[in-house]
Amino acid sequence: MLVYPNAKINLGLHVTGRRPDGYHDIETVFYPIPLMDALEVKEISGDTRFRQTGAPLDCSSEDNLVMRALRLVETHHALPAMDIHLLKHIPSGAGLGGGSSDAAFMVRLLNEKFQLGMSASLMRQMVSQLGADCAFFIENSPMLATGIGNQLSPIDISLSGWTLLLVKPNIHVSTREAYAGITPRQPERSLSEILNLPVEQWQGSLHNDFEDSIFVAHPEIAAIRDRLLDLGAVYAAMSGSGSAVFGLLRAPIEHAEEKFADCFVRQRHL
């Protein structure tokens, strides 16, 4: 069985408070985008084996979120041996949720392939143990996320017809680094209110709180945001805790890869 775990972008991100357990409360909108990995699972005899190709990952096979998802499901269901192949296209350390998507799609795949009968609610609860944004990829539709990113509410928003230009420099921003520069605050306006505005009015109103410190620590990322705006993006921002930056444009840019040397660049019609 073959599935295609997709990435997400964050439309705005407010860090609203620090919790007693050390985590932070946030407000953001997760939006799925057509940048995908490929995950294939075949039933075999013998022992389960896993291989990962494509973009490199700095973790062991057992630490990969696909295998962690498998082990989690195995605590509730007896499963046969499998040959698992993950082809990575979504870059890591980018704020695009690639690993979380892989984990959620693995749980969804196992549920369908082996007819496990798990509800969407149960799968969300299960994958939340692997990462705060994993649950989003179970339904995989635009969601307003609060709490630590695991409290999800559907939101009526569509970027259909826009062109997404995604740029990720060769910079890894860890979640720890991103939160170290944050001073939690309550926003003046909610994301729901801001996102009701036309996309053309988002710039300057729809803000990612991580940008304030990350742009100082990594001015190359800020320069990409500014370059996207210079190239005609109506809105440009960092996704999540970075380091990927995306721009929304009315039309594709020719030879976009040439305009961002040494960066991962993808252009998609939404």
C-alpha atoms as a PDB file:
ATOM      1  CA  MET A   1       0.000   0.000   0.000  1.00  0.00           C
ATOM      2  CA  LEU A   2       1.355   3.391  -1.014  1.00  0.00           C
ATOM      3  CA  VAL A   3       0.438   6.761   0.536  1.00  0.00           C
ATOM      4  CA  TYR A   4       1.797  10.276   0.157  1.00  0.00           C
ATOM      5  CA  PRO A   5       2.276  12.169   3.445  1.00  0.00           C
ATOM      6  CA  ASN A   6       2.048  15.883   2.724  1.00  0.00           C
ATOM      7  CA  ALA A   7       3.531  18.940   4.396  1.00  0.00           C
ATOM      8  CA  LYS A   8       1.763  21.867   6.038  1.00  0.00           C
ATOM      9  CA  ILE A   9       2.361  25.561   6.472  1.00  0.00           C
ATOM     10  CA  ASN A  10       1.377  27.747   9.410  1.00  0.00           C
ATOM     11  CA  LEU A  11      -0.838  30.734   8.694  1.00  0.00           C
ATOM     12  CA  GLY A  12       0.164  32.939  11.579  1.00  0.00           C
ATOM     13  CA  LEU A  13       1.473  31.713  14.915  1.00  0.00           C
ATOM     14  CA  HIS A  14       0.940  33.316  18.314  1.00  0.00           C
ATOM     15  CA  VAL A  15       2.715  31.991  21.403  1.00  0.00           C
ATOM     16  CA  THR A  16       0.206  32.977  24.054  1.00  0.00           C
ATOM     17  CA  GLY A  17       1.531  31.507  27.299  1.00  0.00           C
ATOM     18  CA  ARG A  18       3.891  29.173  29.101  1.00  0.00           C
ATOM     19  CA  ARG A  19       2.327  26.180  30.834  1.00  0.00           C
ATOM     20  CA  PRO A  20       3.295  24.704  34.226  1.00  0.00           C
ATOM     21  CA  ASP A  21       4.613  21.601  32.419  1.00  0.00           C
ATOM     22  CA  GLY A  22       7.128  23.732  30.501  1.00  0.00           C
ATOM     23  CA  TYR A  23       5.281  23.613  27.183  1.00  0.00           C
ATOM     24  CA  HIS A  24       3.795  26.674  25.518  1.00  0.00           C
ATOM     25  CA  ASP A  25       0.239  27.474  24.489  1.00  0.00           C
ATOM     26  CA  ILE A  26      -0.068  28.614  20.895  1.00  0.00           C
ATOM     27  CA  GLU A  27      -2.634  29.767  18.387  1.00  0.00           C
ATOM     28  CA  THR A  28      -1.986  28.925  14.739  1.00  0.00           C
ATOM     29  CA  VAL A  29      -3.679  27.656  11.614  1.00  0.00           C
ATOM     30  CA  PHE A  30      -2.314  24.502   9.992  1.00  0.00           C
ATOM     31  CA  TYR A  31      -2.870  24.407   6.237  1.00  0.00           C
ATOM     32  CA  PRO A  32      -1.990  21.321   4.120  1.00  0.00           C
ATOM     33  CA  ILE A  33       0.157  21.853   1.031  1.00  0.00           C
ATOM     34  CA  PRO A  34       0.984  19.586  -1.949  1.00  0.00           C
ATOM     35  CA  LEU A  35       4.602  18.821  -1.054  1.00  0.00           C
ATOM     36  CA  MET A  36       4.795  15.113  -0.318  1.00  0.00           C
ATOM     37  CA  ASP A  37       6.863  12.194   0.890  1.00  0.00           C
ATOM     38  CA  ALA A  38       6.038   8.662  -0.268  1.00  0.00           C
ATOM     39  CA  LEU A  39       5.415   5.830   2.196  1.00  0.00           C
ATOM     40  CA  GLU A  40       4.995   2.233   1.041  1.00  0.00           C
ATOM     41  CA  VAL A  41       4.186  -0.780   3.205  1.00  0.00           C
ATOM     42  CA  LYS A  42       4.181  -4.410   2.004  1.00  0.00           C
ATOM     43  CA  GLU A  43       3.350  -7.462   4.077  1.00  0.00           C
ATOM     44  CA  ILE A  44       6.234  -9.974   4.158  1.00  0.00           C
ATOM     45  CA  SER A  45       7.343 -13.100   5.981  1.00  0.00           C
ATOM     46  CA  GLY A  46      10.161 -12.890   8.490  1.00  0.00           C
ATOM     47  CA  ASP A  47      10.984  -9.686  10.334  1.00  0.00           C
ATOM     48  CA  THR A  48       9.839  -6.135   9.729  1.00  0.00           C
ATOM     49  CA  ARG A  49      12.394  -4.018   7.909  1.00  0.00           C
ATOM     50  CA  PHE A  50      12.531  -0.273   7.325  1.00  0.00           C
ATOM     51  CA  ARG A  51      14.509   1.825   4.868  1.00  0.00           C
ATOM     52  CA  GLN A  52      14.502   5.518   4.204  1.00  0.00           C
ATOM     53  CA  THR A  53      15.760   7.158   1.013  1.00  0.00           C
ATOM     54  CA  GLY A  54      15.685  10.642  -0.466  1.00  0.00           C
ATOM     55  CA  ALA A  55      16.454  13.632   1.753  1.00  0.00           C
ATOM     56  CA  PRO A  56      18.728  12.493   4.606  1.00  0.00           C
ATOM     57  CA  LEU A  57      17.496  12.289   8.191  1.00  0.00           C
ATOM     58  CA  ASP A  58      19.700  12.400  11.273  1.00  0.00           C
ATOM     59  CA  CYS A  59      18.117   9.562  13.231  1.00  0.00           C
ATOM     60  CA  SER A  60      18.207   5.794  13.510  1.00  0.00           C
ATOM     61  CA  SER A  61      15.551   3.630  11.892  1.00  0.00           C
ATOM     62  CA  GLU A  62      13.827   2.897  15.206  1.00  0.00           C
ATOM     63  CA  ASP A  63      13.788   6.603  16.073  1.00  0.00           C
ATOM     64  CA  ASN A  64      12.133   7.526  12.782  1.00  0.00           C
ATOM     65  CA  LEU A  65       8.575   8.674  13.432  1.00  0.00           C
ATOM     66  CA  VAL A  66       7.243   6.083  10.974  1.00  0.00           C
ATOM     67  CA  MET A  67       8.679   3.279  13.081  1.00  0.00           C
ATOM     68  CA  ARG A  68       7.636   4.931  16.321  1.00  0.00           C
ATOM     69  CA  ALA A  69       4.101   5.112  14.930  1.00  0.00           C
ATOM     70  CA  LEU A  70       4.255   1.432  14.026  1.00  0.00           C
ATOM     71  CA  ARG A  71       5.453   0.452  17.515  1.00  0.00           C
ATOM     72  CA  LEU A  72       2.665   2.528  19.037  1.00  0.00           C
ATOM     73  CA  VAL A  73      -0.008   0.753  16.987  1.00  0.00           C
ATOM     74  CA  GLU A  74       1.578  -2.599  17.822  1.00  0.00           C
ATOM     75  CA  THR A  75       0.909  -1.977  21.516  1.00  0.00           C
ATOM     76  CA  HIS A  76      -2.807  -2.248  20.688  1.00  0.00           C
ATOM     77  CA  HIS A  77      -2.931  -4.556  17.648  1.00  0.00           C
ATOM     78  CA  ALA A  78      -1.078  -7.665  16.470  1.00  0.00           C
ATOM     79  CA  LEU A  79       0.443  -6.895  13.071  1.00  0.00           C
ATOM     80  CA  PRO A  80       2.338  -9.032  10.547  1.00  0.00           C
ATOM     81  CA  ALA A  81       5.905  -8.358   9.437  1.00  0.00           C
ATOM     82  CA  MET A  82       6.267  -5.553   6.910  1.00  0.00           C
ATOM     83  CA  ASP A  83       8.685  -4.076   4.426  1.00  0.00           C
ATOM     84  CA  ILE A  84       8.481  -0.298   4.931  1.00  0.00           C
ATOM     85  CA  HIS A  85       9.999   2.256   2.565  1.00  0.00           C
ATOM     86  CA  LEU A  86       9.923   5.996   3.235  1.00  0.00           C
ATOM     87  CA  LEU A  87      11.015   8.301   0.423  1.00  0.00           C
ATOM     88  CA  LYS A  88      11.663  11.770   1.863  1.00  0.00           C
ATOM     89  CA  HIS A  89      11.023  14.927  -0.140  1.00  0.00           C
ATOM     90  CA  ILE A  90       9.866  17.216   2.689  1.00  0.00           C
ATOM     91  CA  PRO A  91      12.970  18.758   4.303  1.00  0.00           C
ATOM     92  CA  SER A  92      13.450  18.388   8.051  1.00  0.00           C
ATOM     93  CA  GLY A  93      13.995  21.275  10.453  1.00  0.00           C
ATOM     94  CA  ALA A  94      11.804  23.421   8.235  1.00  0.00           C
ATOM     95  CA  GLY A  95       8.562  23.951  10.159  1.00  0.00           C
ATOM     96  CA  LEU A  96       6.664  21.936   7.532  1.00  0.00           C
ATOM     97  CA  GLY A  97       5.608  18.995   9.706  1.00  0.00           C
ATOM     98  CA  GLY A  98       7.168  16.324   7.496  1.00  0.00           C
ATOM     99  CA  GLY A  99       7.970  13.863  10.269  1.00  0.00           C
ATOM    100  CA  SER A 100       4.616  14.389  11.947  1.00  0.00           C
ATOM    101  CA  SER A 101       2.859  13.774   8.640  1.00  0.00           C
ATOM    102  CA  ASP A 102       4.817  10.556   8.081  1.00  0.00           C
ATOM    103  CA  ALA A 103       3.766   9.297  11.518  1.00  0.00           C
ATOM    104  CA  ALA A 104       0.095  10.160  11.059  1.00  0.00           C
ATOM    105  CA  PHE A 105      -0.056   8.677   7.565  1.00  0.00           C
ATOM    106  CA  MET A 106       1.580   5.497   8.863  1.00  0.00           C
ATOM    107  CA  VAL A 107      -1.174   5.112  11.468  1.00  0.00           C
ATOM    108  CA  ARG A 108      -3.848   5.837   8.850  1.00  0.00           C
ATOM    109  CA  LEU A 109      -2.255   3.335   6.447  1.00  0.00           C
ATOM    110  CA  LEU A 110      -2.078   0.577   9.056  1.00  0.00           C
ATOM    111  CA  ASN A 111      -5.674   1.235  10.061  1.00  0.00           C
ATOM    112  CA  GLU A 112      -6.888   0.875   6.481  1.00  0.00           C
ATOM    113  CA  LYS A 113      -4.570  -1.890   5.300  1.00  0.00           C
ATOM    114  CA  PHE A 114      -5.203  -4.197   8.248  1.00  0.00           C
ATOM    115  CA  GLN A 115      -8.789  -3.090   8.945  1.00  0.00           C
ATOM    116  CA  LEU A 116      -8.046  -2.169  12.549  1.00  0.00           C
ATOM    117  CA  GLY A 117     -11.254  -0.207  12.996  1.00  0.00           C
ATOM    118  CA  MET A 118      -9.650   2.789  14.725  1.00  0.00           C
ATOM    119  CA  SER A 119     -11.750   5.955  14.631  1.00  0.00           C
ATOM    120  CA  ALA A 120     -10.306   9.313  13.584  1.00  0.00           C
ATOM    121  CA  SER A 121     -10.616  10.444  17.207  1.00  0.00           C
ATOM    122  CA  LEU A 122      -8.630   7.453  18.448  1.00  0.00           C
ATOM    123  CA  MET A 123      -5.941   7.937  15.792  1.00  0.00           C
ATOM    124  CA  ARG A 124      -5.611  11.620  16.712  1.00  0.00           C
ATOM    125  CA  GLN A 125      -5.226  10.689  20.359  1.00  0.00           C
ATOM    126  CA  MET A 126      -2.651   8.046  19.500  1.00  0.00           C
ATOM    127  CA  VAL A 127      -0.404  10.136  17.257  1.00  0.00           C
ATOM    128  CA  SER A 128      -0.500  13.096  19.644  1.00  0.00           C
ATOM    129  CA  GLN A 129       1.891  11.045  21.775  1.00  0.00           C
ATOM    130  CA  LEU A 130       4.470  11.426  18.994  1.00  0.00           C
ATOM    131  CA  GLY A 131       4.200  15.175  18.408  1.00  0.00           C
ATOM    132  CA  ALA A 132       1.860  18.080  19.031  1.00  0.00           C
ATOM    133  CA  ASP A 133       1.041  18.630  15.352  1.00  0.00           C
ATOM    134  CA  CYS A 134       0.705  14.956  14.382  1.00  0.00           C
ATOM    135  CA  ALA A 135      -3.041  14.900  15.035  1.00  0.00           C
ATOM    136  CA  PHE A 136      -3.621  17.538  12.349  1.00  0.00           C
ATOM    137  CA  PHE A 137      -2.593  15.110   9.617  1.00  0.00           C
ATOM    138  CA  ILE A 138      -5.303  12.578  10.504  1.00  0.00           C
ATOM    139  CA  GLU A 139      -8.049  14.751   8.971  1.00  0.00           C
ATOM    140  CA  ASN A 140      -5.496  16.764   6.968  1.00  0.00           C
ATOM    141  CA  SER A 141      -7.708  19.794   6.367  1.00  0.00           C
ATOM    142  CA  PRO A 142      -7.287  23.440   7.509  1.00  0.00           C
ATOM    143  CA  MET A 143      -7.430  23.616  11.301  1.00  0.00           C
ATOM    144  CA  LEU A 144      -7.187  26.263  13.969  1.00  0.00           C
ATOM    145  CA  ALA A 145      -4.791  24.801  16.530  1.00  0.00           C
ATOM    146  CA  THR A 146      -4.613  25.889  20.156  1.00  0.00           C
ATOM    147  CA  GLY A 147      -3.208  24.377  23.346  1.00  0.00           C
ATOM    148  CA  ILE A 148       0.236  23.032  22.471  1.00  0.00           C
ATOM    149  CA  GLY A 149      -0.993  22.630  18.894  1.00  0.00           C
ATOM    150  CA  ASN A 150      -3.061  19.536  19.577  1.00  0.00           C
ATOM    151  CA  GLN A 151      -6.480  21.119  20.133  1.00  0.00           C
ATOM    152  CA  LEU A 152      -7.931  21.356  16.657  1.00  0.00           C
ATOM    153  CA  SER A 153     -10.999  23.081  15.279  1.00  0.00           C
ATOM    154  CA  PRO A 154     -11.947  23.145  11.574  1.00  0.00           C
ATOM    155  CA  ILE A 155     -11.608  26.570   9.998  1.00  0.00           C
ATOM    156  CA  ASP A 156     -13.205  27.703   6.760  1.00  0.00           C
ATOM    157  CA  ILE A 157     -10.290  29.001   4.715  1.00  0.00           C
ATOM    158  CA  SER A 158      -9.102  28.217   1.204  1.00  0.00           C
ATOM    159  CA  LEU A 159      -5.990  29.269  -0.704  1.00  0.00           C
ATOM    160  CA  SER A 160      -7.243  27.626  -3.871  1.00  0.00           C
ATOM    161  CA  GLY A 161      -5.966  29.442  -6.941  1.00  0.00           C
ATOM    162  CA  TRP A 162      -2.876  30.886  -5.256  1.00  0.00           C
ATOM    163  CA  THR A 163       0.694  29.897  -6.098  1.00  0.00           C
ATOM    164  CA  LEU A 164       2.853  28.829  -3.161  1.00  0.00           C
ATOM    165  CA  LEU A 165       6.600  29.423  -3.415  1.00  0.00           C
ATOM    166  CA  LEU A 166       8.459  27.583  -0.665  1.00  0.00           C
ATOM    167  CA  VAL A 167      12.112  28.282   0.147  1.00  0.00           C
ATOM    168  CA  LYS A 168      14.202  26.497   2.773  1.00  0.00           C
ATOM    169  CA  PRO A 169      17.819  27.553   3.314  1.00  0.00           C
ATOM    170  CA  ASN A 170      20.443  25.129   4.570  1.00  0.00           C
ATOM    171  CA  ILE A 171      19.734  26.182   8.153  1.00  0.00           C
ATOM    172  CA  HIS A 172      18.222  24.003  10.863  1.00  0.00           C
ATOM    173  CA  VAL A 173      16.217  25.805  13.530  1.00  0.00           C
ATOM    174  CA  SER A 174      15.510  23.550  16.493  1.00  0.00           C
ATOM    175  CA  THR A 175      12.278  23.851  18.410  1.00  0.00           C
ATOM    176  CA  ARG A 176      14.299  24.587  21.539  1.00  0.00           C
ATOM    177  CA  GLU A 177      16.106  27.471  19.833  1.00  0.00           C
ATOM    178  CA  ALA A 178      12.840  28.864  18.506  1.00  0.00           C
ATOM    179  CA  TYR A 179      11.092  28.894  21.880  1.00  0.00           C
ATOM    180  CA  ALA A 180      14.173  30.242  23.699  1.00  0.00           C
ATOM    181  CA  GLY A 181      13.664  33.593  22.004  1.00  0.00           C
ATOM    182  CA  ILE A 182       9.936  33.849  22.731  1.00  0.00           C
ATOM    183  CA  THR A 183       8.170  36.040  25.254  1.00  0.00           C
ATOM    184  CA  PRO A 184       4.571  34.768  25.358  1.00  0.00           C
ATOM    185  CA  ARG A 185       1.859  37.385  24.907  1.00  0.00           C
ATOM    186  CA  GLN A 186      -1.799  37.664  24.105  1.00  0.00           C
ATOM    187  CA  PRO A 187      -2.357  38.935  20.548  1.00  0.00           C
ATOM    188  CA  GLU A 188      -4.361  42.077  19.918  1.00  0.00           C
ATOM    189  CA  ARG A 189      -6.416  40.277  17.262  1.00  0.00           C
ATOM    190  CA  SER A 190      -7.267  36.600  16.918  1.00  0.00           C
ATOM    191  CA  LEU A 191      -6.098  34.618  13.928  1.00  0.00           C
ATOM    192  CA  SER A 192      -9.684  33.919  12.936  1.00  0.00           C
ATOM    193  CA  GLU A 193     -10.332  37.659  12.668  1.00  0.00           C
ATOM    194  CA  ILE A 194      -7.158  38.323  10.666  1.00  0.00           C
ATOM    195  CA  LEU A 195      -7.718  35.399   8.297  1.00  0.00           C
ATOM    196  CA  ASN A 196     -11.152  36.765   7.433  1.00  0.00           C
ATOM    197  CA  LEU A 197      -9.339  39.612   5.678  1.00  0.00           C
ATOM    198  CA  PRO A 198      -8.407  39.262   1.991  1.00  0.00           C
ATOM    199  CA  VAL A 199      -4.976  37.633   1.516  1.00  0.00           C
ATOM    200  CA  GLU A 200      -3.745  40.953   0.124  1.00  0.00           C
ATOM    201  CA  GLN A 201      -4.209  42.462   3.607  1.00  0.00           C
ATOM    202  CA  TRP A 202      -2.392  39.763   5.574  1.00  0.00           C
ATOM    203  CA  GLN A 203       1.125  41.189   5.367  1.00  0.00           C
ATOM    204  CA  GLY A 204       1.768  43.236   8.489  1.00  0.00           C
ATOM    205  CA  SER A 205      -1.259  41.760  10.278  1.00  0.00           C
ATOM    206  CA  LEU A 206      -0.773  37.982  10.110  1.00  0.00           C
ATOM    207  CA  HIS A 207       2.345  37.366  12.189  1.00  0.00           C
ATOM    208  CA  ASN A 208       4.500  34.431  13.219  1.00  0.00           C
ATOM    209  CA  ASP A 209       5.873  35.221  16.692  1.00  0.00           C
ATOM    210  CA  PHE A 210       8.971  33.079  16.082  1.00  0.00           C
ATOM    211  CA  GLU A 211      10.146  35.470  13.365  1.00  0.00           C
ATOM    212  CA  ASP A 212      11.126  38.207  15.840  1.00  0.00           C
ATOM    213  CA  SER A 213      14.038  36.276  17.341  1.00  0.00           C
ATOM    214  CA  ILE A 214      14.776  33.842  14.504  1.00  0.00           C
ATOM    215  CA  PHE A 215      15.256  36.662  11.990  1.00  0.00           C
ATOM    216  CA  VAL A 216      17.801  38.276  14.339  1.00  0.00           C
ATOM    217  CA  ALA A 217      19.682  35.010  14.880  1.00  0.00           C
ATOM    218  CA  HIS A 218      19.477  34.017  11.202  1.00  0.00           C
ATOM    219  CA  PRO A 219      19.235  37.117   8.993  1.00  0.00           C
ATOM    220  CA  GLU A 220      19.449  34.870   5.915  1.00  0.00           C
ATOM    221  CA  ILE A 221      15.907  33.681   6.676  1.00  0.00           C
ATOM    222  CA  ALA A 222      14.639  37.257   6.955  1.00  0.00           C
ATOM    223  CA  ALA A 223      16.340  38.029   3.634  1.00  0.00           C
ATOM    224  CA  ILE A 224      14.392  35.198   1.968  1.00  0.00           C
ATOM    225  CA  ARG A 225      11.108  36.607   3.272  1.00  0.00           C
ATOM    226  CA  ASP A 226      12.027  40.048   1.906  1.00  0.00           C
ATOM    227  CA  ARG A 227      13.123  38.567  -1.429  1.00  0.00           C
ATOM    228  CA  LEU A 228       9.790  36.769  -1.800  1.00  0.00           C
ATOM    229  CA  LEU A 229       7.960  40.054  -1.267  1.00  0.00           C
ATOM    230  CA  ASP A 230      10.230  41.770  -3.813  1.00  0.00           C
ATOM    231  CA  LEU A 231       9.377  39.038  -6.326  1.00  0.00           C
ATOM    232  CA  GLY A 232       5.685  39.780  -6.008  1.00  0.00           C
ATOM    233  CA  ALA A 233       4.464  37.664  -3.108  1.00  0.00           C
ATOM    234  CA  VAL A 234       1.299  39.157  -1.656  1.00  0.00           C
ATOM    235  CA  TYR A 235       2.123  37.532   1.675  1.00  0.00           C
ATOM    236  CA  ALA A 236       5.353  35.923   2.905  1.00  0.00           C
ATOM    237  CA  ALA A 237       6.224  34.416   6.279  1.00  0.00           C
ATOM    238  CA  MET A 238       8.187  31.721   8.046  1.00  0.00           C
ATOM    239  CA  SER A 239       6.306  28.470   8.597  1.00  0.00           C
ATOM    240  CA  GLY A 240       6.114  27.284  12.184  1.00  0.00           C
ATOM    241  CA  SER A 241       9.472  27.505  13.941  1.00  0.00           C
ATOM    242  CA  GLY A 242      11.283  27.599  10.571  1.00  0.00           C
ATOM    243  CA  SER A 243      13.511  27.660   8.714  1.00  0.00           C
ATOM    244  CA  ALA A 244      11.278  27.350   5.634  1.00  0.00           C
ATOM    245  CA  VAL A 245       9.673  30.538   4.320  1.00  0.00           C
ATOM    246  CA  PHE A 246       6.702  30.631   1.976  1.00  0.00           C
ATOM    247  CA  GLY A 247       5.181  33.237  -0.263  1.00  0.00           C
ATOM    248  CA  LEU A 248       1.699  33.446  -1.757  1.00  0.00           C
ATOM    249  CA  LEU A 249       1.651  34.762  -5.310  1.00  0.00           C
ATOM    250  CA  ARG A 250      -1.014  35.376  -7.906  1.00  0.00           C
ATOM    251  CA  ALA A 251       1.071  33.646 -10.597  1.00  0.00           C
ATOM    252  CA  PRO A 252       4.148  31.372 -10.719  1.00  0.00           C
ATOM    253  CA  ILE A 253       7.633  32.868 -10.951  1.00  0.00           C
ATOM    254  CA  GLU A 254       9.748  31.624 -13.823  1.00  0.00           C
ATOM    255  CA  HIS A 255      13.083  30.015 -12.898  1.00  0.00           C
ATOM    256  CA  ALA A 256      12.335  30.379  -9.191  1.00  0.00           C
ATOM    257  CA  GLU A 257      15.120  27.939  -8.246  1.00  0.00           C
ATOM    258  CA  GLU A 258      17.721  30.247  -9.781  1.00  0.00           C
ATOM    259  CA  LYS A 259      16.627  33.140  -7.591  1.00  0.00           C
ATOM    260  CA  PHE A 260      17.430  31.327  -4.322  1.00  0.00           C
ATOM    261  CA  ALA A 261      20.867  29.778  -4.691  1.00  0.00           C
ATOM    262  CA  ASP A 262      21.738  26.827  -2.427  1.00  0.00           C
ATOM    263  CA  CYS A 263      18.177  26.606  -1.071  1.00  0.00           C
ATOM    264  CA  PHE A 264      15.475  23.973  -1.300  1.00  0.00           C
ATOM    265  CA  VAL A 265      12.867  25.598  -3.568  1.00  0.00           C
ATOM    266  CA  ARG A 266       9.452  24.296  -4.573  1.00  0.00           C
ATOM    267  CA  GLN A 267       6.626  26.079  -6.351  1.00  0.00           C
ATOM    268  CA  ARG A 268       3.106  24.653  -6.138  1.00  0.00           C
ATOM    269  CA  HIS A 269      -0.349  25.646  -7.333  1.00  0.00           C
ATOM    270  CA  LEU A 270      -2.784  25.439  -4.428  1.00  0.00           C
END
